[in-house]
């Protein structure tokens, strides 16, 4: 399978998921992205198009390095803390095509 076809197939899965999942003001979307080196997480309100809280393994406060389970746990704790500060109690999880 070529790289182009693989990217097209993944984009199709993302579109299918995004039709069903949308972040609202009451329940924003939690988008998680893993690259080969880092972990990123954002809490997004799709109705206004704003990012309400974000965290990544690149932040200086986190001692997590790499894209492993330990880094994901620390990024998850950091984004949860920032979401609590923004008065966000529940989110919709966007798995990003995985």
PDB file of N, CA and C in Angstrom:
ATOM      1  N   UNK A   1       0.854  -1.172   0.000  1.00  0.00           N
ATOM      2  CA  UNK A   1       0.000   0.000   0.000  1.00  0.00           C
ATOM      3  C   UNK A   1       0.898   1.234   0.000  1.00  0.00           C
ATOM      4  N   UNK A   2       0.657   2.124  -0.925  1.00  0.00           N
ATOM      5  CA  UNK A   2       1.502   3.309  -1.018  1.00  0.00           C
ATOM      6  C   UNK A   2       1.162   4.308   0.090  1.00  0.00           C
ATOM      7  N   UNK A   3       2.081   5.215   0.315  1.00  0.00           N
ATOM      8  CA  UNK A   3       1.896   6.220   1.356  1.00  0.00           C
ATOM      9  C   UNK A   3       0.696   7.105   1.047  1.00  0.00           C
ATOM     10  N   UNK A   4       0.514   7.455  -0.220  1.00  0.00           N
ATOM     11  CA  UNK A   4      -0.589   8.325  -0.623  1.00  0.00           C
ATOM     12  C   UNK A   4      -1.935   7.673  -0.315  1.00  0.00           C
ATOM     13  N   UNK A   5      -2.088   6.397  -0.639  1.00  0.00           N
ATOM     14  CA  UNK A   5      -3.347   5.691  -0.390  1.00  0.00           C
ATOM     15  C   UNK A   5      -3.585   5.539   1.106  1.00  0.00           C
ATOM     16  N   UNK A   6      -2.534   5.295   1.871  1.00  0.00           N
ATOM     17  CA  UNK A   6      -2.663   5.166   3.322  1.00  0.00           C
ATOM     18  C   UNK A   6      -3.138   6.480   3.944  1.00  0.00           C
ATOM     19  N   UNK A   7      -2.571   7.600   3.483  1.00  0.00           N
ATOM     20  CA  UNK A   7      -2.987   8.906   4.005  1.00  0.00           C
ATOM     21  C   UNK A   7      -4.432   9.212   3.636  1.00  0.00           C
ATOM     22  N   UNK A   8      -4.837   8.847   2.425  1.00  0.00           N
ATOM     23  CA  UNK A   8      -6.220   9.059   2.013  1.00  0.00           C
ATOM     24  C   UNK A   8      -7.178   8.236   2.862  1.00  0.00           C
ATOM     25  N   UNK A   9      -6.828   7.001   3.143  1.00  0.00           N
ATOM     26  CA  UNK A   9      -7.677   6.130   3.945  1.00  0.00           C
ATOM     27  C   UNK A   9      -7.805   6.666   5.373  1.00  0.00           C
ATOM     28  N   UNK A  10      -6.715   7.147   5.926  1.00  0.00           N
ATOM     29  CA  UNK A  10      -6.753   7.703   7.282  1.00  0.00           C
ATOM     30  C   UNK A  10      -7.580   8.979   7.342  1.00  0.00           C
ATOM     31  N   UNK A  11      -7.473   9.814   6.303  1.00  0.00           N
ATOM     32  CA  UNK A  11      -8.273  11.041   6.238  1.00  0.00           C
ATOM     33  C   UNK A  11      -9.759  10.704   6.149  1.00  0.00           C
ATOM     34  N   UNK A  12     -10.086   9.645   5.443  1.00  0.00           N
ATOM     35  CA  UNK A  12     -11.482   9.209   5.323  1.00  0.00           C
ATOM     36  C   UNK A  12     -12.025   8.763   6.680  1.00  0.00           C
ATOM     37  N   UNK A  13     -11.210   8.034   7.445  1.00  0.00           N
ATOM     38  CA  UNK A  13     -11.623   7.600   8.785  1.00  0.00           C
ATOM     39  C   UNK A  13     -11.823   8.811   9.686  1.00  0.00           C
ATOM     40  N   UNK A  14     -10.923   9.790   9.601  1.00  0.00           N
ATOM     41  CA  UNK A  14     -11.061  11.002  10.423  1.00  0.00           C
ATOM     42  C   UNK A  14     -12.353  11.747  10.115  1.00  0.00           C
ATOM     43  N   UNK A  15     -12.673  11.874   8.833  1.00  0.00           N
ATOM     44  CA  UNK A  15     -13.911  12.565   8.450  1.00  0.00           C
ATOM     45  C   UNK A  15     -15.126  11.822   8.981  1.00  0.00           C
ATOM     46  N   UNK A  16     -15.118  10.495   8.922  1.00  0.00           N
ATOM     47  CA  UNK A  16     -16.232   9.699   9.401  1.00  0.00           C
ATOM     48  C   UNK A  16     -16.420   9.878  10.910  1.00  0.00           C
ATOM     49  N   UNK A  17     -15.320   9.908  11.649  1.00  0.00           N
ATOM     50  CA  UNK A  17     -15.389  10.094  13.098  1.00  0.00           C
ATOM     51  C   UNK A  17     -15.864  11.505  13.424  1.00  0.00           C
ATOM     52  N   UNK A  18     -15.347  12.500  12.701  1.00  0.00           N
ATOM     53  CA  UNK A  18     -15.657  13.898  12.976  1.00  0.00           C
ATOM     54  C   UNK A  18     -17.124  14.232  12.711  1.00  0.00           C
ATOM     55  N   UNK A  19     -17.789  13.441  11.824  1.00  0.00           N
ATOM     56  CA  UNK A  19     -19.220  13.646  11.594  1.00  0.00           C
ATOM     57  C   UNK A  19     -20.021  13.326  12.845  1.00  0.00           C
ATOM     58  N   UNK A  20     -19.532  12.357  13.615  1.00  0.00           N
ATOM     59  CA  UNK A  20     -20.256  11.910  14.797  1.00  0.00           C
ATOM     60  C   UNK A  20     -19.857  12.668  16.056  1.00  0.00           C
ATOM     61  N   UNK A  21     -18.635  13.202  16.095  1.00  0.00           N
ATOM     62  CA  UNK A  21     -18.113  13.838  17.300  1.00  0.00           C
ATOM     63  C   UNK A  21     -17.900  15.321  17.039  1.00  0.00           C
ATOM     64  N   UNK A  22     -18.476  16.146  17.890  1.00  0.00           N
ATOM     65  CA  UNK A  22     -18.245  17.590  17.810  1.00  0.00           C
ATOM     66  C   UNK A  22     -18.227  18.136  19.230  1.00  0.00           C
ATOM     67  N   UNK A  23     -17.288  19.028  19.494  1.00  0.00           N
ATOM     68  CA  UNK A  23     -17.195  19.624  20.815  1.00  0.00           C
ATOM     69  C   UNK A  23     -18.144  20.796  20.947  1.00  0.00           C
ATOM     70  N   UNK A  24     -18.878  20.843  22.025  1.00  0.00           N
ATOM     71  CA  UNK A  24     -19.788  21.943  22.295  1.00  0.00           C
ATOM     72  C   UNK A  24     -19.255  22.743  23.478  1.00  0.00           C
ATOM     73  N   UNK A  25     -19.942  23.807  23.804  1.00  0.00           N
ATOM     74  CA  UNK A  25     -19.522  24.619  24.938  1.00  0.00           C
ATOM     75  C   UNK A  25     -19.652  23.829  26.240  1.00  0.00           C
ATOM     76  N   UNK A  26     -20.718  23.029  26.367  1.00  0.00           N
ATOM     77  CA  UNK A  26     -20.925  22.247  27.584  1.00  0.00           C
ATOM     78  C   UNK A  26     -19.985  21.045  27.650  1.00  0.00           C
ATOM     79  N   UNK A  27     -19.698  20.448  26.487  1.00  0.00           N
ATOM     80  CA  UNK A  27     -18.865  19.232  26.452  1.00  0.00           C
ATOM     81  C   UNK A  27     -17.890  19.333  25.272  1.00  0.00           C
ATOM     82  N   UNK A  28     -16.733  19.952  25.501  1.00  0.00           N
ATOM     83  CA  UNK A  28     -15.766  20.135  24.409  1.00  0.00           C
ATOM     84  C   UNK A  28     -15.077  18.832  24.009  1.00  0.00           C
ATOM     85  N   UNK A  29     -14.385  18.886  22.895  1.00  0.00           N
ATOM     86  CA  UNK A  29     -13.714  17.715  22.319  1.00  0.00           C
ATOM     87  C   UNK A  29     -12.271  17.655  22.813  1.00  0.00           C
ATOM     88  N   UNK A  30     -11.844  16.470  23.245  1.00  0.00           N
ATOM     89  CA  UNK A  30     -10.459  16.235  23.646  1.00  0.00           C
ATOM     90  C   UNK A  30      -9.752  15.536  22.499  1.00  0.00           C
ATOM     91  N   UNK A  31      -8.856  16.251  21.828  1.00  0.00           N
ATOM     92  CA  UNK A  31      -8.106  15.697  20.702  1.00  0.00           C
ATOM     93  C   UNK A  31      -6.700  15.357  21.177  1.00  0.00           C
ATOM     94  N   UNK A  32      -6.270  14.129  20.924  1.00  0.00           N
ATOM     95  CA  UNK A  32      -4.952  13.663  21.326  1.00  0.00           C
ATOM     96  C   UNK A  32      -4.167  13.294  20.076  1.00  0.00           C
ATOM     97  N   UNK A  33      -2.913  13.722  20.028  1.00  0.00           N
ATOM     98  CA  UNK A  33      -2.050  13.425  18.889  1.00  0.00           C
ATOM     99  C   UNK A  33      -0.725  12.883  19.390  1.00  0.00           C
ATOM    100  N   UNK A  34      -0.310  11.763  18.823  1.00  0.00           N
ATOM    101  CA  UNK A  34       0.986  11.172  19.118  1.00  0.00           C
ATOM    102  C   UNK A  34       1.867  11.329  17.887  1.00  0.00           C
ATOM    103  N   UNK A  35       3.000  11.965  18.039  1.00  0.00           N
ATOM    104  CA  UNK A  35       3.995  11.930  16.976  1.00  0.00           C
ATOM    105  C   UNK A  35       5.040  10.906  17.406  1.00  0.00           C
ATOM    106  N   UNK A  36       6.095  10.757  16.643  1.00  0.00           N
ATOM    107  CA  UNK A  36       7.126   9.792  17.032  1.00  0.00           C
ATOM    108  C   UNK A  36       7.899  10.250  18.262  1.00  0.00           C
ATOM    109  N   UNK A  37       7.966  11.567  18.490  1.00  0.00           N
ATOM    110  CA  UNK A  37       8.753  12.078  19.606  1.00  0.00           C
ATOM    111  C   UNK A  37       7.930  12.632  20.771  1.00  0.00           C
ATOM    112  N   UNK A  38       6.701  13.100  20.523  1.00  0.00           N
ATOM    113  CA  UNK A  38       5.957  13.818  21.555  1.00  0.00           C
ATOM    114  C   UNK A  38       4.488  13.434  21.567  1.00  0.00           C
ATOM    115  N   UNK A  39       3.815  13.869  22.658  1.00  0.00           N
ATOM    116  CA  UNK A  39       2.386  13.669  22.843  1.00  0.00           C
ATOM    117  C   UNK A  39       1.750  15.041  23.010  1.00  0.00           C
ATOM    118  N   UNK A  40       0.617  15.272  22.336  1.00  0.00           N
ATOM    119  CA  UNK A  40      -0.084  16.541  22.413  1.00  0.00           C
ATOM    120  C   UNK A  40      -1.553  16.275  22.738  1.00  0.00           C
ATOM    121  N   UNK A  41      -2.170  17.146  23.528  1.00  0.00           N
ATOM    122  CA  UNK A  41      -3.590  17.029  23.844  1.00  0.00           C
ATOM    123  C   UNK A  41      -4.198  18.424  23.890  1.00  0.00           C
ATOM    124  N   UNK A  42      -5.400  18.554  23.323  1.00  0.00           N
ATOM    125  CA  UNK A  42      -6.111  19.829  23.314  1.00  0.00           C
ATOM    126  C   UNK A  42      -7.570  19.597  23.660  1.00  0.00           C
ATOM    127  N   UNK A  43      -8.162  20.540  24.375  1.00  0.00           N
ATOM    128  CA  UNK A  43      -9.593  20.545  24.637  1.00  0.00           C
ATOM    129  C   UNK A  43     -10.157  21.669  23.781  1.00  0.00           C
ATOM    130  N   UNK A  44     -11.031  21.320  22.817  1.00  0.00           N
ATOM    131  CA  UNK A  44     -11.465  22.253  21.787  1.00  0.00           C
ATOM    132  C   UNK A  44     -12.978  22.429  21.820  1.00  0.00           C
ATOM    133  N   UNK A  45     -13.434  23.680  21.753  1.00  0.00           N
ATOM    134  CA  UNK A  45     -14.843  24.007  21.591  1.00  0.00           C
ATOM    135  C   UNK A  45     -15.072  24.267  20.109  1.00  0.00           C
ATOM    136  N   UNK A  46     -15.702  23.317  19.413  1.00  0.00           N
ATOM    137  CA  UNK A  46     -15.890  23.439  17.971  1.00  0.00           C
ATOM    138  C   UNK A  46     -16.941  24.475  17.597  1.00  0.00           C
ATOM    139  N   UNK A  47     -17.858  24.803  18.493  1.00  0.00           N
ATOM    140  CA  UNK A  47     -18.890  25.789  18.160  1.00  0.00           C
ATOM    141  C   UNK A  47     -18.296  27.190  18.027  1.00  0.00           C
ATOM    142  N   UNK A  48     -17.248  27.491  18.788  1.00  0.00           N
ATOM    143  CA  UNK A  48     -16.595  28.797  18.674  1.00  0.00           C
ATOM    144  C   UNK A  48     -15.241  28.708  17.987  1.00  0.00           C
ATOM    145  N   UNK A  49     -14.723  27.481  17.818  1.00  0.00           N
ATOM    146  CA  UNK A  49     -13.435  27.294  17.172  1.00  0.00           C
ATOM    147  C   UNK A  49     -12.253  27.688  18.034  1.00  0.00           C
ATOM    148  N   UNK A  50     -12.388  27.549  19.350  1.00  0.00           N
ATOM    149  CA  UNK A  50     -11.321  27.937  20.277  1.00  0.00           C
ATOM    150  C   UNK A  50     -10.761  26.736  21.008  1.00  0.00           C
ATOM    151  N   UNK A  51      -9.472  26.791  21.295  1.00  0.00           N
ATOM    152  CA  UNK A  51      -8.823  25.798  22.139  1.00  0.00           C
ATOM    153  C   UNK A  51      -8.920  26.285  23.577  1.00  0.00           C
ATOM    154  N   UNK A  52      -9.538  25.497  24.434  1.00  0.00           N
ATOM    155  CA  UNK A  52      -9.780  25.904  25.819  1.00  0.00           C
ATOM    156  C   UNK A  52      -8.635  25.506  26.749  1.00  0.00           C
ATOM    157  N   UNK A  53      -7.985  24.375  26.465  1.00  0.00           N
ATOM    158  CA  UNK A  53      -6.861  23.912  27.268  1.00  0.00           C
ATOM    159  C   UNK A  53      -5.980  23.039  26.388  1.00  0.00           C
ATOM    160  N   UNK A  54      -4.691  23.110  26.640  1.00  0.00           N
ATOM    161  CA  UNK A  54      -3.757  22.301  25.845  1.00  0.00           C
ATOM    162  C   UNK A  54      -2.553  21.931  26.687  1.00  0.00           C
ATOM    163  N   UNK A  55      -1.954  20.796  26.359  1.00  0.00           N
ATOM    164  CA  UNK A  55      -0.738  20.349  27.026  1.00  0.00           C
ATOM    165  C   UNK A  55       0.030  19.466  26.057  1.00  0.00           C
ATOM    166  N   UNK A  56       1.343  19.435  26.222  1.00  0.00           N
ATOM    167  CA  UNK A  56       2.170  18.551  25.403  1.00  0.00           C
ATOM    168  C   UNK A  56       3.393  18.131  26.200  1.00  0.00           C
ATOM    169  N   UNK A  57       4.068  17.121  25.699  1.00  0.00           N
ATOM    170  CA  UNK A  57       5.268  16.642  26.382  1.00  0.00           C
ATOM    171  C   UNK A  57       6.443  17.589  26.165  1.00  0.00           C
ATOM    172  N   UNK A  58       6.264  18.641  25.381  1.00  0.00           N
ATOM    173  CA  UNK A  58       7.315  19.629  25.154  1.00  0.00           C
ATOM    174  C   UNK A  58       7.358  20.707  26.233  1.00  0.00           C
ATOM    175  N   UNK A  59       6.311  20.801  27.055  1.00  0.00           N
ATOM    176  CA  UNK A  59       6.237  21.847  28.067  1.00  0.00           C
ATOM    177  C   UNK A  59       7.336  21.671  29.102  1.00  0.00           C
ATOM    178  N   UNK A  60       7.832  22.801  29.594  1.00  0.00           N
ATOM    179  CA  UNK A  60       8.941  22.765  30.549  1.00  0.00           C
ATOM    180  C   UNK A  60       8.543  22.175  31.890  1.00  0.00           C
ATOM    181  N   UNK A  61       7.293  22.352  32.300  1.00  0.00           N
ATOM    182  CA  UNK A  61       6.849  21.834  33.587  1.00  0.00           C
ATOM    183  C   UNK A  61       6.756  20.318  33.632  1.00  0.00           C
ATOM    184  N   UNK A  62       6.613  19.693  32.482  1.00  0.00           N
ATOM    185  CA  UNK A  62       6.512  18.234  32.434  1.00  0.00           C
ATOM    186  C   UNK A  62       7.890  17.630  32.255  1.00  0.00           C
ATOM    187  N   UNK A  63       8.176  16.632  33.044  1.00  0.00           N
ATOM    188  CA  UNK A  63       9.472  15.972  32.927  1.00  0.00           C
ATOM    189  C   UNK A  63       9.390  14.764  32.004  1.00  0.00           C
ATOM    190  N   UNK A  64       8.307  14.699  31.214  1.00  0.00           N
ATOM    191  CA  UNK A  64       8.102  13.565  30.314  1.00  0.00           C
ATOM    192  C   UNK A  64       8.834  13.800  29.003  1.00  0.00           C
ATOM    193  N   UNK A  65       9.578  12.836  28.590  1.00  0.00           N
ATOM    194  CA  UNK A  65      10.290  12.897  27.318  1.00  0.00           C
ATOM    195  C   UNK A  65       9.838  11.739  26.462  1.00  0.00           C
ATOM    196  N   UNK A  66       9.590  12.001  25.207  1.00  0.00           N
ATOM    197  CA  UNK A  66       9.228  10.945  24.278  1.00  0.00           C
ATOM    198  C   UNK A  66       7.738  10.759  24.169  1.00  0.00           C
ATOM    199  N   UNK A  67       7.345   9.798  23.352  1.00  0.00           N
ATOM    200  CA  UNK A  67       5.936   9.494  23.125  1.00  0.00           C
ATOM    201  C   UNK A  67       5.642   8.098  23.649  1.00  0.00           C
ATOM    202  N   UNK A  68       5.720   7.941  24.961  1.00  0.00           N
ATOM    203  CA  UNK A  68       5.465   6.647  25.579  1.00  0.00           C
ATOM    204  C   UNK A  68       4.309   6.766  26.572  1.00  0.00           C
ATOM    205  N   UNK A  69       3.997   5.688  27.266  1.00  0.00           N
ATOM    206  CA  UNK A  69       2.876   5.695  28.200  1.00  0.00           C
ATOM    207  C   UNK A  69       3.086   6.664  29.348  1.00  0.00           C
ATOM    208  N   UNK A  70       4.288   6.770  29.841  1.00  0.00           N
ATOM    209  CA  UNK A  70       4.563   7.680  30.952  1.00  0.00           C
ATOM    210  C   UNK A  70       4.340   9.120  30.529  1.00  0.00           C
ATOM    211  N   UNK A  71       4.792   9.472  29.332  1.00  0.00           N
ATOM    212  CA  UNK A  71       4.594  10.826  28.823  1.00  0.00           C
ATOM    213  C   UNK A  71       3.111  11.101  28.603  1.00  0.00           C
ATOM    214  N   UNK A  72       2.385  10.115  28.081  1.00  0.00           N
ATOM    215  CA  UNK A  72       0.952  10.283  27.846  1.00  0.00           C
ATOM    216  C   UNK A  72       0.202  10.494  29.157  1.00  0.00           C
ATOM    217  N   UNK A  73       0.595   9.777  30.198  1.00  0.00           N
ATOM    218  CA  UNK A  73      -0.056   9.936  31.498  1.00  0.00           C
ATOM    219  C   UNK A  73       0.183  11.337  32.062  1.00  0.00           C
ATOM    220  N   UNK A  74       1.402  11.831  31.943  1.00  0.00           N
ATOM    221  CA  UNK A  74       1.710  13.166  32.466  1.00  0.00           C
ATOM    222  C   UNK A  74       1.013  14.254  31.657  1.00  0.00           C
ATOM    223  N   UNK A  75       0.948  14.085  30.358  1.00  0.00           N
ATOM    224  CA  UNK A  75       0.249  15.062  29.520  1.00  0.00           C
ATOM    225  C   UNK A  75      -1.244  15.022  29.836  1.00  0.00           C
ATOM    226  N   UNK A  76      -1.789  13.831  30.061  1.00  0.00           N
ATOM    227  CA  UNK A  76      -3.198  13.696  30.426  1.00  0.00           C
ATOM    228  C   UNK A  76      -3.517  14.390  31.737  1.00  0.00           C
ATOM    229  N   UNK A  77      -2.649  14.233  32.734  1.00  0.00           N
ATOM    230  CA  UNK A  77      -2.847  14.909  34.014  1.00  0.00           C
ATOM    231  C   UNK A  77      -2.779  16.423  33.844  1.00  0.00           C
ATOM    232  N   UNK A  78      -1.837  16.891  33.021  1.00  0.00           N
ATOM    233  CA  UNK A  78      -1.672  18.333  32.817  1.00  0.00           C
ATOM    234  C   UNK A  78      -2.874  18.940  32.104  1.00  0.00           C
ATOM    235  N   UNK A  79      -3.377  18.270  31.070  1.00  0.00           N
ATOM    236  CA  UNK A  79      -4.529  18.816  30.351  1.00  0.00           C
ATOM    237  C   UNK A  79      -5.790  18.740  31.216  1.00  0.00           C
ATOM    238  N   UNK A  80      -5.908  17.715  32.062  1.00  0.00           N
ATOM    239  CA  UNK A  80      -7.051  17.619  32.974  1.00  0.00           C
ATOM    240  C   UNK A  80      -7.027  18.743  33.997  1.00  0.00           C
ATOM    241  N   UNK A  81      -5.846  19.059  34.509  1.00  0.00           N
ATOM    242  CA  UNK A  81      -5.715  20.149  35.477  1.00  0.00           C
ATOM    243  C   UNK A  81      -6.091  21.490  34.834  1.00  0.00           C
ATOM    244  N   UNK A  82      -5.615  21.725  33.613  1.00  0.00           N
ATOM    245  CA  UNK A  82      -5.940  22.977  32.910  1.00  0.00           C
ATOM    246  C   UNK A  82      -7.422  23.042  32.568  1.00  0.00           C
ATOM    247  N   UNK A  83      -8.034  21.902  32.246  1.00  0.00           N
ATOM    248  CA  UNK A  83      -9.466  21.873  31.941  1.00  0.00           C
ATOM    249  C   UNK A  83     -10.281  22.162  33.194  1.00  0.00           C
ATOM    250  N   UNK A  84      -9.866  21.622  34.340  1.00  0.00           N
ATOM    251  CA  UNK A  84     -10.565  21.897  35.597  1.00  0.00           C
ATOM    252  C   UNK A  84     -10.507  23.385  35.937  1.00  0.00           C
ATOM    253  N   UNK A  85      -9.345  24.012  35.675  1.00  0.00           N
ATOM    254  CA  UNK A  85      -9.206  25.446  35.926  1.00  0.00           C
ATOM    255  C   UNK A  85     -10.130  26.254  35.024  1.00  0.00           C
ATOM    256  N   UNK A  86     -10.436  25.734  33.832  1.00  0.00           N
ATOM    257  CA  UNK A  86     -11.334  26.409  32.896  1.00  0.00           C
ATOM    258  C   UNK A  86     -12.787  25.975  33.101  1.00  0.00           C
ATOM    259  N   UNK A  87     -13.090  25.309  34.231  1.00  0.00           N
ATOM    260  CA  UNK A  87     -14.426  24.837  34.587  1.00  0.00           C
ATOM    261  C   UNK A  87     -15.003  23.869  33.561  1.00  0.00           C
ATOM    262  N   UNK A  88     -14.193  22.933  33.102  1.00  0.00           N
ATOM    263  CA  UNK A  88     -14.632  21.900  32.171  1.00  0.00           C
ATOM    264  C   UNK A  88     -14.626  20.581  32.925  1.00  0.00           C
ATOM    265  N   UNK A  89     -15.801  19.960  33.032  1.00  0.00           N
ATOM    266  CA  UNK A  89     -15.917  18.722  33.792  1.00  0.00           C
ATOM    267  C   UNK A  89     -15.923  17.478  32.928  1.00  0.00           C
ATOM    268  N   UNK A  90     -16.567  17.542  31.753  1.00  0.00           N
ATOM    269  CA  UNK A  90     -16.651  16.388  30.873  1.00  0.00           C
ATOM    270  C   UNK A  90     -16.225  16.775  29.466  1.00  0.00           C
ATOM    271  N   UNK A  91     -15.696  15.814  28.739  1.00  0.00           N
ATOM    272  CA  UNK A  91     -15.262  16.045  27.356  1.00  0.00           C
ATOM    273  C   UNK A  91     -15.699  14.872  26.483  1.00  0.00           C
ATOM    274  N   UNK A  92     -15.653  15.101  25.171  1.00  0.00           N
ATOM    275  CA  UNK A  92     -15.876  14.052  24.181  1.00  0.00           C
ATOM    276  C   UNK A  92     -14.493  13.669  23.657  1.00  0.00           C
ATOM    277  N   UNK A  93     -14.168  12.389  23.664  1.00  0.00           N
ATOM    278  CA  UNK A  93     -12.848  11.962  23.242  1.00  0.00           C
ATOM    279  C   UNK A  93     -12.807  11.776  21.732  1.00  0.00           C
ATOM    280  N   UNK A  94     -11.870  12.484  21.080  1.00  0.00           N
ATOM    281  CA  UNK A  94     -11.644  12.355  19.642  1.00  0.00           C
ATOM    282  C   UNK A  94     -10.384  11.526  19.468  1.00  0.00           C
ATOM    283  N   UNK A  95     -10.527  10.306  18.957  1.00  0.00           N
ATOM    284  CA  UNK A  95      -9.390   9.407  18.853  1.00  0.00           C
ATOM    285  C   UNK A  95      -8.526   9.697  17.634  1.00  0.00           C
ATOM    286  N   UNK A  96      -8.912  10.624  16.798  1.00  0.00           N
ATOM    287  CA  UNK A  96      -8.067  11.076  15.704  1.00  0.00           C
ATOM    288  C   UNK A  96      -7.824  10.034  14.631  1.00  0.00           C
ATOM    289  N   UNK A  97      -8.730   9.104  14.440  1.00  0.00           N
ATOM    290  CA  UNK A  97      -8.578   8.119  13.389  1.00  0.00           C
ATOM    291  C   UNK A  97      -7.892   6.847  13.818  1.00  0.00           C
ATOM    292  N   UNK A  98      -7.483   6.727  15.050  1.00  0.00           N
ATOM    293  CA  UNK A  98      -6.836   5.503  15.523  1.00  0.00           C
ATOM    294  C   UNK A  98      -7.827   4.656  16.288  1.00  0.00           C
TER     295      UNK A  98
END
